[in-house]
Amino acid sequence: MHEPQRTEDTAGAVSGGDAAEESEAARRRRRAQFLRELHEAKELRNRVQPRRARAERMRQAVRMRTFRW
């Protein structure tokens, strides 16, 4: 595994009233980066293991059919 890239999100702390707003923006950036990497990892897994990916899609379809709205 590779080490996650560090960005300037946590490097500069903002003082005053903008601190909460800046930390919220940094949190959103980190979350967006995490979701991009997660999506990329899932796509890679699906390409490398197509049979397992198909089985997972089937299980998800069964879960969705049995879920009551």
Protein backbone atom coordinates (compact mmCIF):
# COMPACT_ATOMS: atom_id res chain seq x y z
CA MET A 1 0.00 0.00 0.00
CA HIS A 2 1.14 3.53 -0.55
CA GLU A 3 1.06 6.29 2.00
CA PRO A 4 -1.76 8.84 1.49
CA GLN A 5 -0.63 12.11 0.01
CA ARG A 6 -0.41 15.00 2.40
CA THR A 7 -1.89 18.25 1.20
CA GLU A 8 -1.79 21.76 2.53
CA ASP A 9 -5.23 21.27 4.13
CA THR A 10 -3.80 20.59 7.57
CA ALA A 11 -0.63 22.66 7.18
CA GLY A 12 -2.01 26.17 7.66
CA ALA A 13 -4.25 26.93 10.61
CA VAL A 14 -6.49 29.96 10.31
CA SER A 15 -7.01 32.06 13.43
CA GLY A 16 -10.12 33.98 14.31
CA GLY A 17 -13.69 33.46 13.12
CA ASP A 18 -12.65 31.76 9.86
CA ALA A 19 -11.17 28.76 11.68
CA ALA A 20 -14.41 26.77 11.82
CA GLU A 21 -15.26 27.63 8.22
CA GLU A 22 -11.77 26.72 7.00
CA SER A 23 -11.77 23.44 8.91
CA GLU A 24 -15.16 22.59 7.38
CA ALA A 25 -13.79 23.30 3.90
CA ALA A 26 -10.71 21.20 4.66
CA ARG A 27 -12.93 18.38 5.90
CA ARG A 28 -14.98 18.50 2.70
CA ARG A 29 -11.79 18.41 0.59
CA ARG A 30 -10.46 15.43 2.52
CA ARG A 31 -13.82 13.66 2.22
CA ALA A 32 -13.98 14.30 -1.53
CA GLN A 33 -10.44 12.96 -1.94
CA PHE A 34 -11.32 9.87 0.10
CA LEU A 35 -14.44 9.19 -1.96
CA ARG A 36 -12.50 9.59 -5.22
CA GLU A 37 -9.88 7.09 -4.03
CA LEU A 38 -12.57 4.70 -2.79
CA HIS A 39 -14.36 4.80 -6.14
CA GLU A 40 -11.08 4.24 -7.98
CA ALA A 41 -10.23 1.27 -5.75
CA LYS A 42 -13.65 -0.30 -6.33
CA GLU A 43 -13.30 0.09 -10.10
CA LEU A 44 -9.86 -1.51 -10.00
CA ARG A 45 -11.14 -4.42 -7.91
CA ASN A 46 -14.02 -4.93 -10.34
CA ARG A 47 -11.60 -5.06 -13.30
CA VAL A 48 -9.21 -7.43 -11.54
CA GLN A 49 -11.86 -9.76 -10.08
CA PRO A 50 -14.85 -9.75 -12.43
CA ARG A 51 -16.43 -12.91 -10.99
CA ARG A 52 -16.37 -11.53 -7.45
CA ALA A 53 -17.71 -8.20 -8.71
CA ARG A 54 -20.60 -9.97 -10.46
CA ALA A 55 -21.42 -11.93 -7.31
CA GLU A 56 -21.40 -8.70 -5.29
CA ARG A 57 -23.78 -7.06 -7.80
CA MET A 58 -26.12 -10.04 -7.48
CA ARG A 59 -26.08 -9.84 -3.68
CA GLN A 60 -26.76 -6.09 -3.85
CA ALA A 61 -29.69 -6.70 -6.22
CA VAL A 62 -31.18 -9.24 -3.79
CA ARG A 63 -30.77 -6.78 -0.92
CA MET A 64 -32.49 -4.05 -2.91
CA ARG A 65 -35.39 -6.36 -3.86
CA THR A 66 -35.96 -7.43 -0.26
CA PHE A 67 -35.74 -3.89 1.16
CA ARG A 68 -39.12 -2.44 2.04
CA TRP A 69 -39.62 1.27 1.35
